Amino acid sequence: MATAVNCCLSSSLCFSLQSKLKSLSLKNNVNSSSYGFKTLSFSNSLSPNLLPKGSVSFSSVTQKPNRYSVVCEAAPTKKADSAAKRARQAEKRRIYNKAKKSEVKTRMKKVLDELDTLRKKPEAQAEEIFPIEKLIAEAYSAIDKAVKVGTLHRNTGARRKSRLARRKKAVEIHHGWYTPAPAADAA
């Protein structure tokens, strides 16, 4: 502001502005209230008992406690760590696959144990194979389910089913319940 006053000293208008700026004071007037507030213009029309001398006393007003505002922004949520998600998924699948493989192994073991006991039995009857065939059907079902969900490869599933069928056939041949057809001569 002082530079603007210095630039305008040549004209008489600017000179009068400079004298007005010098007479301007920032000190409080004696007529205003003791707190440095001017009288309210509407307070002169009110009753003198309500607002004495047209000013408001702030001595009875208590200061409000400091309240801090909390600004919440709706930002897009942070993406989950994909490596951690993959680890969780892998662990979940590992447990699921382990259960499926365990079921397949258990069913196969039951069938193989029953076939071994039947093979060692000297006076075995042909009807004794029927409960074992039910166990074989349950084992086949477990193997097929494991292949279907991807726990076992389809070739592995086929190999395990073939293993059970070959073992059953060996027991039947051992007891004479099954005679294989003679191989055709390739001529």
N, C-alpha and C. Protein backbone atom coordinates (compact mmCIF):
# COMPACT_ATOMS: atom_id res chain seq x y z
N MET A 1 0.83 -1.18 0.00
CA MET A 1 0.00 0.00 0.00
C MET A 1 0.88 1.25 0.00
N ALA A 2 2.01 1.14 0.67
CA ALA A 2 2.92 2.29 0.72
C ALA A 2 3.49 2.58 -0.66
N THR A 3 3.72 1.57 -1.44
CA THR A 3 4.23 1.80 -2.79
C THR A 3 3.19 2.48 -3.65
N ALA A 4 1.92 2.16 -3.45
CA ALA A 4 0.86 2.84 -4.21
C ALA A 4 0.79 4.30 -3.83
N VAL A 5 1.00 4.62 -2.57
CA VAL A 5 0.97 6.01 -2.12
C VAL A 5 2.17 6.76 -2.68
N ASN A 6 3.33 6.14 -2.70
CA ASN A 6 4.53 6.79 -3.21
C ASN A 6 4.44 7.04 -4.71
N CYS A 7 3.78 6.18 -5.44
CA CYS A 7 3.65 6.36 -6.88
C CYS A 7 2.69 7.49 -7.24
N CYS A 8 1.75 7.81 -6.40
CA CYS A 8 0.72 8.80 -6.71
C CYS A 8 1.02 10.17 -6.09
N LEU A 9 2.19 10.47 -5.65
CA LEU A 9 2.49 11.74 -4.99
C LEU A 9 2.38 12.93 -5.94
N SER A 10 2.50 12.74 -7.21
CA SER A 10 2.49 13.87 -8.14
C SER A 10 1.12 14.51 -8.27
N SER A 11 0.08 13.76 -8.18
CA SER A 11 -1.25 14.36 -8.35
C SER A 11 -1.81 14.81 -7.01
N SER A 12 -2.69 15.78 -7.06
CA SER A 12 -3.28 16.33 -5.84
C SER A 12 -4.25 15.34 -5.20
N LEU A 13 -4.88 14.50 -6.04
CA LEU A 13 -5.81 13.50 -5.52
C LEU A 13 -5.06 12.48 -4.68
N CYS A 14 -3.94 12.06 -5.18
CA CYS A 14 -3.14 11.08 -4.44
C CYS A 14 -2.57 11.72 -3.18
N PHE A 15 -2.28 13.02 -3.20
CA PHE A 15 -1.75 13.69 -2.02
C PHE A 15 -2.79 13.71 -0.90
N SER A 16 -4.03 13.96 -1.25
CA SER A 16 -5.08 13.96 -0.23
C SER A 16 -5.29 12.55 0.32
N LEU A 17 -5.12 11.53 -0.53
CA LEU A 17 -5.24 10.14 -0.08
C LEU A 17 -4.14 9.82 0.92
N GLN A 18 -2.96 10.35 0.65
CA GLN A 18 -1.85 10.09 1.55
C GLN A 18 -2.09 10.72 2.91
N SER A 19 -2.63 11.91 2.95
CA SER A 19 -2.90 12.57 4.23
C SER A 19 -3.99 11.83 5.01
N LYS A 20 -4.97 11.28 4.30
CA LYS A 20 -6.02 10.51 4.97
C LYS A 20 -5.45 9.22 5.55
N LEU A 21 -4.52 8.60 4.84
CA LEU A 21 -3.93 7.36 5.35
C LEU A 21 -3.10 7.62 6.59
N LYS A 22 -2.44 8.79 6.66
CA LYS A 22 -1.64 9.11 7.83
C LYS A 22 -2.51 9.35 9.05
N SER A 23 -3.69 9.90 8.85
CA SER A 23 -4.56 10.19 9.98
C SER A 23 -5.33 8.95 10.46
N LEU A 24 -5.31 7.88 9.66
CA LEU A 24 -6.01 6.66 10.03
C LEU A 24 -5.29 5.99 11.19
N SER A 25 -6.02 5.62 12.20
CA SER A 25 -5.42 5.01 13.38
C SER A 25 -6.04 3.64 13.61
N LEU A 26 -5.25 2.72 14.06
CA LEU A 26 -5.75 1.38 14.34
C LEU A 26 -6.04 1.18 15.82
N LYS A 27 -5.89 2.21 16.64
CA LYS A 27 -6.13 2.09 18.07
C LYS A 27 -7.62 2.13 18.36
N ASN A 28 -8.03 1.52 19.52
CA ASN A 28 -9.43 1.50 19.91
C ASN A 28 -9.89 2.87 20.37
N ASN A 29 -11.14 3.18 20.11
CA ASN A 29 -11.73 4.42 20.60
C ASN A 29 -12.09 4.26 22.06
N VAL A 30 -12.10 5.33 22.78
CA VAL A 30 -12.45 5.32 24.20
C VAL A 30 -13.95 5.11 24.35
N ASN A 31 -14.76 5.54 23.39
CA ASN A 31 -16.21 5.44 23.48
C ASN A 31 -16.71 4.01 23.35
N SER A 32 -15.97 3.13 22.70
CA SER A 32 -16.44 1.75 22.53
C SER A 32 -16.28 1.00 23.84
N SER A 33 -16.83 -0.18 23.90
CA SER A 33 -16.83 -0.95 25.15
C SER A 33 -15.42 -1.33 25.55
N SER A 34 -15.28 -1.81 26.77
CA SER A 34 -13.96 -2.12 27.30
C SER A 34 -13.33 -3.31 26.60
N TYR A 35 -14.13 -4.09 25.88
CA TYR A 35 -13.59 -5.25 25.20
C TYR A 35 -13.19 -4.96 23.77
N GLY A 36 -13.35 -3.77 23.30
CA GLY A 36 -12.95 -3.41 21.96
C GLY A 36 -14.01 -3.68 20.92
N PHE A 37 -15.28 -3.86 21.33
CA PHE A 37 -16.34 -4.11 20.37
C PHE A 37 -17.13 -2.83 20.16
N LYS A 38 -17.57 -2.59 18.95
CA LYS A 38 -18.41 -1.43 18.66
C LYS A 38 -19.82 -1.73 19.13
N THR A 39 -20.56 -0.68 19.34
CA THR A 39 -21.95 -0.87 19.74
C THR A 39 -22.74 -1.39 18.57
N LEU A 40 -23.72 -2.18 18.90
CA LEU A 40 -24.57 -2.74 17.86
C LEU A 40 -25.59 -1.71 17.44
N SER A 41 -25.81 -1.57 16.15
CA SER A 41 -26.72 -0.54 15.66
C SER A 41 -28.16 -0.85 16.04
N PHE A 42 -28.56 -2.11 16.10
CA PHE A 42 -29.94 -2.41 16.45
C PHE A 42 -30.17 -2.34 17.95
N SER A 43 -29.09 -2.31 18.74
CA SER A 43 -29.27 -2.33 20.20
C SER A 43 -29.76 -0.99 20.74
N ASN A 44 -29.62 0.09 19.98
CA ASN A 44 -30.11 1.39 20.44
C ASN A 44 -31.63 1.42 20.50
N SER A 45 -32.30 0.63 19.66
CA SER A 45 -33.76 0.64 19.64
C SER A 45 -34.35 -0.28 20.70
N LEU A 46 -33.55 -1.11 21.33
CA LEU A 46 -34.06 -2.01 22.37
C LEU A 46 -34.11 -1.30 23.71
N SER A 47 -34.73 -1.94 24.66
CA SER A 47 -34.85 -1.32 25.99
C SER A 47 -33.48 -1.21 26.63
N PRO A 48 -33.26 -0.17 27.42
CA PRO A 48 -31.95 0.03 28.03
C PRO A 48 -31.62 -1.02 29.07
N ASN A 49 -32.65 -1.66 29.64
CA ASN A 49 -32.36 -2.69 30.65
C ASN A 49 -31.79 -3.95 30.00
N LEU A 50 -32.23 -4.21 28.78
CA LEU A 50 -31.76 -5.41 28.11
C LEU A 50 -30.32 -5.27 27.66
N LEU A 51 -30.03 -4.17 26.99
CA LEU A 51 -28.67 -3.92 26.54
C LEU A 51 -28.25 -2.54 27.02
N PRO A 52 -27.61 -2.41 28.15
CA PRO A 52 -27.24 -1.09 28.66
C PRO A 52 -26.21 -0.42 27.77
N LYS A 53 -26.42 0.85 27.52
CA LYS A 53 -25.53 1.70 26.71
C LYS A 53 -25.35 1.16 25.29
N GLY A 54 -26.27 0.36 24.84
CA GLY A 54 -26.21 -0.10 23.45
C GLY A 54 -25.10 -1.07 23.15
N SER A 55 -24.52 -1.69 24.13
CA SER A 55 -23.44 -2.64 23.88
C SER A 55 -23.76 -3.97 24.57
N VAL A 56 -23.14 -4.97 24.14
CA VAL A 56 -23.35 -6.31 24.68
C VAL A 56 -22.16 -6.67 25.53
N SER A 57 -22.41 -7.17 26.70
CA SER A 57 -21.34 -7.61 27.59
C SER A 57 -21.05 -9.08 27.32
N PHE A 58 -19.79 -9.38 27.11
CA PHE A 58 -19.40 -10.75 26.82
C PHE A 58 -18.76 -11.42 28.01
N SER A 59 -18.91 -10.87 29.18
CA SER A 59 -18.26 -11.45 30.35
C SER A 59 -18.91 -12.76 30.78
N SER A 60 -20.20 -12.93 30.53
CA SER A 60 -20.88 -14.15 30.97
C SER A 60 -20.81 -15.26 29.93
N VAL A 61 -20.31 -14.97 28.74
CA VAL A 61 -20.24 -15.98 27.69
C VAL A 61 -19.01 -16.84 27.91
N THR A 62 -19.23 -18.14 27.96
CA THR A 62 -18.09 -19.05 28.12
C THR A 62 -17.62 -19.51 26.75
N GLN A 63 -16.35 -19.78 26.69
CA GLN A 63 -15.78 -20.19 25.41
C GLN A 63 -16.08 -21.67 25.18
N LYS A 64 -16.46 -22.02 23.98
CA LYS A 64 -16.77 -23.41 23.64
C LYS A 64 -15.48 -24.22 23.61
N PRO A 65 -15.57 -25.49 23.96
CA PRO A 65 -14.36 -26.32 23.87
C PRO A 65 -13.98 -26.53 22.41
N ASN A 66 -12.71 -26.73 22.21
CA ASN A 66 -12.23 -26.96 20.84
C ASN A 66 -12.78 -28.28 20.33
N ARG A 67 -13.43 -28.21 19.22
CA ARG A 67 -13.95 -29.43 18.59
C ARG A 67 -13.24 -29.59 17.26
N TYR A 68 -12.74 -30.76 17.06
CA TYR A 68 -12.02 -31.03 15.84
C TYR A 68 -12.94 -31.75 14.87
N SER A 69 -12.95 -31.29 13.67
CA SER A 69 -13.82 -31.92 12.69
C SER A 69 -13.08 -33.08 12.04
N VAL A 70 -13.83 -34.12 11.76
CA VAL A 70 -13.27 -35.29 11.10
C VAL A 70 -13.77 -35.29 9.67
N VAL A 71 -12.85 -35.33 8.76
CA VAL A 71 -13.21 -35.33 7.35
C VAL A 71 -13.07 -36.75 6.84
N CYS A 72 -14.16 -37.29 6.35
CA CYS A 72 -14.16 -38.63 5.79
C CYS A 72 -14.30 -38.52 4.28
N GLU A 73 -13.38 -39.10 3.60
CA GLU A 73 -13.45 -39.08 2.15
C GLU A 73 -13.84 -40.46 1.65
N ALA A 74 -14.67 -40.48 0.67
CA ALA A 74 -15.09 -41.75 0.08
C ALA A 74 -14.12 -42.10 -1.03
N ALA A 75 -13.01 -42.69 -0.64
CA ALA A 75 -12.01 -43.08 -1.62
C ALA A 75 -12.26 -44.54 -2.00
N PRO A 76 -11.87 -44.93 -3.18
CA PRO A 76 -12.04 -46.34 -3.55
C PRO A 76 -11.20 -47.22 -2.64
N THR A 77 -11.76 -48.37 -2.29
CA THR A 77 -11.05 -49.25 -1.37
C THR A 77 -9.80 -49.79 -2.03
N LYS A 78 -8.81 -50.04 -1.19
CA LYS A 78 -7.54 -50.53 -1.68
C LYS A 78 -7.71 -51.97 -2.16
N LYS A 79 -7.08 -52.29 -3.25
CA LYS A 79 -7.17 -53.65 -3.77
C LYS A 79 -6.46 -54.60 -2.80
N ALA A 80 -7.05 -55.76 -2.63
CA ALA A 80 -6.43 -56.76 -1.77
C ALA A 80 -5.15 -57.25 -2.44
N ASP A 81 -4.23 -57.66 -1.60
CA ASP A 81 -2.96 -58.15 -2.11
C ASP A 81 -3.22 -59.47 -2.83
N SER A 82 -2.93 -59.51 -4.11
CA SER A 82 -3.26 -60.69 -4.91
C SER A 82 -2.41 -61.89 -4.50
N ALA A 83 -1.19 -61.65 -4.05
CA ALA A 83 -0.34 -62.77 -3.63
C ALA A 83 -0.91 -63.42 -2.38
N ALA A 84 -1.40 -62.60 -1.46
CA ALA A 84 -1.99 -63.14 -0.24
C ALA A 84 -3.28 -63.90 -0.56
N LYS A 85 -4.06 -63.36 -1.48
CA LYS A 85 -5.30 -64.04 -1.88
C LYS A 85 -4.98 -65.38 -2.53
N ARG A 86 -3.98 -65.40 -3.39
CA ARG A 86 -3.58 -66.65 -4.03
C ARG A 86 -3.11 -67.67 -3.00
N ALA A 87 -2.39 -67.19 -1.99
CA ALA A 87 -1.92 -68.10 -0.94
C ALA A 87 -3.10 -68.70 -0.17
N ARG A 88 -4.10 -67.85 0.12
CA ARG A 88 -5.29 -68.36 0.82
C ARG A 88 -6.02 -69.38 -0.03
N GLN A 89 -6.17 -69.08 -1.31
CA GLN A 89 -6.87 -70.00 -2.20
C GLN A 89 -6.11 -71.32 -2.34
N ALA A 90 -4.79 -71.23 -2.44
CA ALA A 90 -3.97 -72.43 -2.59
C ALA A 90 -4.09 -73.32 -1.35
N GLU A 91 -4.08 -72.69 -0.19
CA GLU A 91 -4.21 -73.45 1.06
C GLU A 91 -5.57 -74.13 1.14
N LYS A 92 -6.60 -73.42 0.75
CA LYS A 92 -7.96 -73.98 0.76
C LYS A 92 -8.05 -75.17 -0.20
N ARG A 93 -7.50 -75.01 -1.40
CA ARG A 93 -7.54 -76.10 -2.38
C ARG A 93 -6.69 -77.28 -1.93
N ARG A 94 -5.55 -76.99 -1.29
CA ARG A 94 -4.67 -78.06 -0.83
C ARG A 94 -5.39 -78.95 0.18
N ILE A 95 -6.10 -78.32 1.11
CA ILE A 95 -6.83 -79.09 2.12
C ILE A 95 -7.94 -79.91 1.46
N TYR A 96 -8.65 -79.29 0.51
CA TYR A 96 -9.74 -79.99 -0.18
C TYR A 96 -9.20 -81.18 -0.97
N ASN A 97 -8.10 -80.96 -1.71
CA ASN A 97 -7.51 -82.03 -2.51
C ASN A 97 -6.95 -83.14 -1.64
N LYS A 98 -6.39 -82.74 -0.50
CA LYS A 98 -5.84 -83.74 0.42
C LYS A 98 -6.95 -84.65 0.93
N ALA A 99 -8.11 -84.07 1.22
CA ALA A 99 -9.24 -84.87 1.70
C ALA A 99 -9.71 -85.83 0.61
N LYS A 100 -9.78 -85.36 -0.63
CA LYS A 100 -10.22 -86.22 -1.73
C LYS A 100 -9.23 -87.37 -1.95
N LYS A 101 -7.93 -87.07 -1.94
CA LYS A 101 -6.92 -88.11 -2.14
C LYS A 101 -6.95 -89.12 -1.00
N SER A 102 -7.16 -88.60 0.21
CA SER A 102 -7.23 -89.49 1.37
C SER A 102 -8.42 -90.44 1.25
N GLU A 103 -9.54 -89.92 0.77
CA GLU A 103 -10.72 -90.78 0.58
C GLU A 103 -10.44 -91.87 -0.45
N VAL A 104 -9.78 -91.51 -1.54
CA VAL A 104 -9.45 -92.49 -2.58
C VAL A 104 -8.53 -93.56 -2.02
N LYS A 105 -7.50 -93.15 -1.28
CA LYS A 105 -6.55 -94.11 -0.71
C LYS A 105 -7.24 -95.04 0.28
N THR A 106 -8.13 -94.48 1.11
CA THR A 106 -8.83 -95.29 2.10
C THR A 106 -9.70 -96.34 1.42
N ARG A 107 -10.45 -95.93 0.42
CA ARG A 107 -11.34 -96.87 -0.28
C ARG A 107 -10.52 -97.96 -0.99
N MET A 108 -9.42 -97.56 -1.61
CA MET A 108 -8.58 -98.55 -2.30
C MET A 108 -7.97 -99.53 -1.30
N LYS A 109 -7.54 -99.02 -0.18
CA LYS A 109 -6.92 -99.88 0.83
C LYS A 109 -7.93 -100.90 1.36
N LYS A 110 -9.18 -100.47 1.58
CA LYS A 110 -10.21 -101.40 2.04
C LYS A 110 -10.41 -102.53 1.03
N VAL A 111 -10.49 -102.16 -0.25
CA VAL A 111 -10.70 -103.17 -1.29
C VAL A 111 -9.52 -104.13 -1.35
N LEU A 112 -8.31 -103.58 -1.35
CA LEU A 112 -7.12 -104.43 -1.47
C LEU A 112 -6.97 -105.36 -0.27
N ASP A 113 -7.28 -104.87 0.93
CA ASP A 113 -7.21 -105.72 2.13
C ASP A 113 -8.23 -106.86 2.06
N GLU A 114 -9.44 -106.54 1.63
CA GLU A 114 -10.48 -107.58 1.52
C GLU A 114 -10.10 -108.61 0.45
N LEU A 115 -9.53 -108.15 -0.65
CA LEU A 115 -9.11 -109.09 -1.70
C LEU A 115 -7.97 -109.99 -1.21
N ASP A 116 -7.04 -109.43 -0.43
CA ASP A 116 -5.94 -110.24 0.11
C ASP A 116 -6.46 -111.31 1.08
N THR A 117 -7.40 -110.92 1.95
CA THR A 117 -7.95 -111.91 2.89
C THR A 117 -8.74 -112.99 2.14
N LEU A 118 -9.45 -112.60 1.08
CA LEU A 118 -10.21 -113.58 0.30
C LEU A 118 -9.26 -114.51 -0.45
N ARG A 119 -8.15 -113.98 -0.90
CA ARG A 119 -7.18 -114.82 -1.63
C ARG A 119 -6.55 -115.85 -0.70
N LYS A 120 -6.28 -115.47 0.55
CA LYS A 120 -5.63 -116.38 1.50
C LYS A 120 -6.61 -117.39 2.09
N LYS A 121 -7.87 -117.16 1.94
CA LYS A 121 -8.89 -118.05 2.50
C LYS A 121 -8.95 -119.33 1.65
N PRO A 122 -8.76 -120.51 2.26
CA PRO A 122 -8.70 -121.73 1.44
C PRO A 122 -10.06 -122.19 0.90
N GLU A 123 -11.09 -122.10 1.69
CA GLU A 123 -12.40 -122.59 1.28
C GLU A 123 -13.33 -121.43 0.94
N ALA A 124 -12.94 -120.56 0.06
CA ALA A 124 -13.72 -119.38 -0.30
C ALA A 124 -14.81 -119.75 -1.29
N GLN A 125 -15.94 -119.10 -1.18
CA GLN A 125 -17.07 -119.30 -2.08
C GLN A 125 -17.14 -118.12 -3.05
N ALA A 126 -17.76 -118.32 -4.18
CA ALA A 126 -17.86 -117.28 -5.21
C ALA A 126 -18.74 -116.12 -4.75
N GLU A 127 -19.68 -116.41 -3.83
CA GLU A 127 -20.58 -115.36 -3.34
C GLU A 127 -19.87 -114.36 -2.43
N GLU A 128 -18.70 -114.73 -1.95
CA GLU A 128 -17.96 -113.85 -1.03
C GLU A 128 -17.36 -112.64 -1.76
N ILE A 129 -17.38 -112.68 -3.06
CA ILE A 129 -16.83 -111.55 -3.83
C ILE A 129 -17.83 -110.40 -3.94
N PHE A 130 -19.13 -110.68 -3.70
CA PHE A 130 -20.14 -109.63 -3.87
C PHE A 130 -19.96 -108.43 -2.92
N PRO A 131 -19.69 -108.65 -1.62
CA PRO A 131 -19.44 -107.46 -0.77
C PRO A 131 -18.20 -106.67 -1.21
N ILE A 132 -17.22 -107.40 -1.75
CA ILE A 132 -16.01 -106.73 -2.23
C ILE A 132 -16.33 -105.90 -3.48
N GLU A 133 -17.24 -106.39 -4.31
CA GLU A 133 -17.64 -105.62 -5.50
C GLU A 133 -18.34 -104.32 -5.11
N LYS A 134 -19.07 -104.33 -3.99
CA LYS A 134 -19.68 -103.08 -3.50
C LYS A 134 -18.59 -102.10 -3.06
N LEU A 135 -17.56 -102.64 -2.38
CA LEU A 135 -16.44 -101.77 -1.98
C LEU A 135 -15.71 -101.22 -3.21
N ILE A 136 -15.58 -102.07 -4.24
CA ILE A 136 -14.94 -101.62 -5.48
C ILE A 136 -15.76 -100.51 -6.13
N ALA A 137 -17.09 -100.65 -6.12
CA ALA A 137 -17.95 -99.62 -6.70
C ALA A 137 -17.78 -98.30 -5.94
N GLU A 138 -17.68 -98.35 -4.60
CA GLU A 138 -17.47 -97.13 -3.81
C GLU A 138 -16.11 -96.51 -4.12
N ALA A 139 -15.09 -97.37 -4.30
CA ALA A 139 -13.75 -96.86 -4.63
C ALA A 139 -13.76 -96.21 -6.01
N TYR A 140 -14.43 -96.84 -6.98
CA TYR A 140 -14.54 -96.26 -8.32
C TYR A 140 -15.23 -94.89 -8.25
N SER A 141 -16.29 -94.81 -7.46
CA SER A 141 -17.02 -93.55 -7.33
C SER A 141 -16.11 -92.46 -6.75
N ALA A 142 -15.34 -92.80 -5.71
CA ALA A 142 -14.43 -91.82 -5.10
C ALA A 142 -13.36 -91.38 -6.09
N ILE A 143 -12.84 -92.34 -6.87
CA ILE A 143 -11.82 -92.01 -7.87
C ILE A 143 -12.40 -91.10 -8.94
N ASP A 144 -13.60 -91.44 -9.42
CA ASP A 144 -14.23 -90.62 -10.47
C ASP A 144 -14.52 -89.20 -9.98
N LYS A 145 -14.95 -89.07 -8.73
CA LYS A 145 -15.20 -87.73 -8.18
C LYS A 145 -13.91 -86.93 -8.07
N ALA A 146 -12.83 -87.59 -7.65
CA ALA A 146 -11.54 -86.90 -7.54
C ALA A 146 -11.04 -86.45 -8.91
N VAL A 147 -11.28 -87.26 -9.93
CA VAL A 147 -10.88 -86.88 -11.29
C VAL A 147 -11.74 -85.72 -11.78
N LYS A 148 -13.03 -85.79 -11.46
CA LYS A 148 -13.96 -84.75 -11.94
C LYS A 148 -13.61 -83.37 -11.39
N VAL A 149 -13.23 -83.28 -10.12
CA VAL A 149 -12.91 -81.97 -9.53
C VAL A 149 -11.47 -81.56 -9.79
N GLY A 150 -10.67 -82.46 -10.38
CA GLY A 150 -9.30 -82.08 -10.74
C GLY A 150 -8.26 -82.45 -9.71
N THR A 151 -8.64 -83.19 -8.69
CA THR A 151 -7.66 -83.61 -7.69
C THR A 151 -6.70 -84.64 -8.27
N LEU A 152 -7.24 -85.56 -9.03
CA LEU A 152 -6.42 -86.57 -9.70
C LEU A 152 -6.50 -86.35 -11.21
N HIS A 153 -5.41 -86.66 -11.88
CA HIS A 153 -5.42 -86.63 -13.34
C HIS A 153 -6.24 -87.82 -13.83
N ARG A 154 -6.85 -87.68 -14.97
CA ARG A 154 -7.73 -88.76 -15.45
C ARG A 154 -6.95 -90.04 -15.72
N ASN A 155 -5.70 -89.93 -16.15
CA ASN A 155 -4.89 -91.14 -16.37
C ASN A 155 -4.58 -91.82 -15.04
N THR A 156 -4.33 -91.04 -14.01
CA THR A 156 -4.07 -91.61 -12.69
C THR A 156 -5.31 -92.32 -12.17
N GLY A 157 -6.47 -91.69 -12.37
CA GLY A 157 -7.72 -92.33 -11.96
C GLY A 157 -7.96 -93.63 -12.69
N ALA A 158 -7.71 -93.64 -13.99
CA ALA A 158 -7.88 -94.86 -14.78
C ALA A 158 -6.91 -95.94 -14.33
N ARG A 159 -5.69 -95.55 -14.01
CA ARG A 159 -4.68 -96.51 -13.57
C ARG A 159 -5.06 -97.14 -12.23
N ARG A 160 -5.61 -96.35 -11.33
CA ARG A 160 -6.02 -96.89 -10.02
C ARG A 160 -7.22 -97.81 -10.15
N LYS A 161 -8.16 -97.45 -11.00
CA LYS A 161 -9.32 -98.33 -11.22
C LYS A 161 -8.87 -99.65 -11.86
N SER A 162 -7.94 -99.55 -12.78
CA SER A 162 -7.41 -100.75 -13.42
C SER A 162 -6.68 -101.64 -12.42
N ARG A 163 -5.98 -101.03 -11.51
CA ARG A 163 -5.25 -101.78 -10.48
C ARG A 163 -6.21 -102.61 -9.63
N LEU A 164 -7.34 -101.98 -9.26
CA LEU A 164 -8.34 -102.70 -8.47
C LEU A 164 -8.96 -103.85 -9.29
N ALA A 165 -9.27 -103.57 -10.55
CA ALA A 165 -9.89 -104.60 -11.40
C ALA A 165 -8.93 -105.77 -11.62
N ARG A 166 -7.64 -105.47 -11.84
CA ARG A 166 -6.65 -106.54 -12.05
C ARG A 166 -6.49 -107.40 -10.80
N ARG A 167 -6.49 -106.74 -9.63
CA ARG A 167 -6.34 -107.49 -8.38
C ARG A 167 -7.54 -108.40 -8.15
N LYS A 168 -8.73 -107.90 -8.47
CA LYS A 168 -9.96 -108.71 -8.33
C LYS A 168 -9.91 -109.91 -9.29
N LYS A 169 -9.49 -109.63 -10.51
CA LYS A 169 -9.41 -110.70 -11.50
C LYS A 169 -8.39 -111.76 -11.06
N ALA A 170 -7.28 -111.34 -10.47
CA ALA A 170 -6.27 -112.28 -10.00
C ALA A 170 -6.82 -113.18 -8.90
N VAL A 171 -7.65 -112.63 -8.01
CA VAL A 171 -8.26 -113.43 -6.94
C VAL A 171 -9.25 -114.42 -7.55
N GLU A 172 -10.03 -113.98 -8.51
CA GLU A 172 -11.00 -114.88 -9.15
C GLU A 172 -10.29 -116.01 -9.90
N ILE A 173 -9.20 -115.71 -10.57
CA ILE A 173 -8.44 -116.74 -11.29
C ILE A 173 -7.82 -117.71 -10.28
N HIS A 174 -7.32 -117.18 -9.17
CA HIS A 174 -6.68 -118.01 -8.15
C HIS A 174 -7.66 -119.06 -7.61
N HIS A 175 -8.90 -118.67 -7.38
CA HIS A 175 -9.88 -119.59 -6.83
C HIS A 175 -10.62 -120.36 -7.93
N GLY A 176 -10.39 -120.08 -9.16
CA GLY A 176 -11.03 -120.80 -10.26
C GLY A 176 -12.41 -120.30 -10.60
N TRP A 177 -12.76 -119.13 -10.17
CA TRP A 177 -14.08 -118.57 -10.47
C TRP A 177 -14.11 -117.90 -11.84
N TYR A 178 -12.94 -117.67 -12.37
CA TYR A 178 -12.86 -116.99 -13.68
C TYR A 178 -11.73 -117.64 -14.46
N THR A 179 -12.02 -117.96 -15.71
CA THR A 179 -10.98 -118.48 -16.59
C THR A 179 -10.86 -117.52 -17.77
N PRO A 180 -9.67 -116.94 -17.95
CA PRO A 180 -9.51 -115.99 -19.05
C PRO A 180 -9.65 -116.69 -20.40
N ALA A 181 -10.14 -115.95 -21.35
CA ALA A 181 -10.28 -116.49 -22.71
C ALA A 181 -8.90 -116.65 -23.31
N PRO A 182 -8.70 -117.72 -24.08
CA PRO A 182 -7.38 -117.89 -24.69
C PRO A 182 -7.10 -116.77 -25.69
N ALA A 183 -5.87 -116.32 -25.68
CA ALA A 183 -5.49 -115.21 -26.55
C ALA A 183 -5.54 -115.67 -27.99
N ALA A 184 -6.09 -114.84 -28.85
CA ALA A 184 -6.18 -115.18 -30.27
C ALA A 184 -4.80 -115.06 -30.89
N ASP A 185 -4.45 -116.06 -31.70
CA ASP A 185 -3.13 -116.02 -32.34
C ASP A 185 -3.14 -114.96 -33.44
N ALA A 186 -2.14 -114.14 -33.41
CA ALA A 186 -2.00 -113.10 -34.43
C ALA A 186 -1.27 -113.73 -35.60
N ALA A 187 -1.95 -113.91 -36.72
CA ALA A 187 -1.33 -114.58 -37.86
C ALA A 187 -1.00 -113.64 -38.95
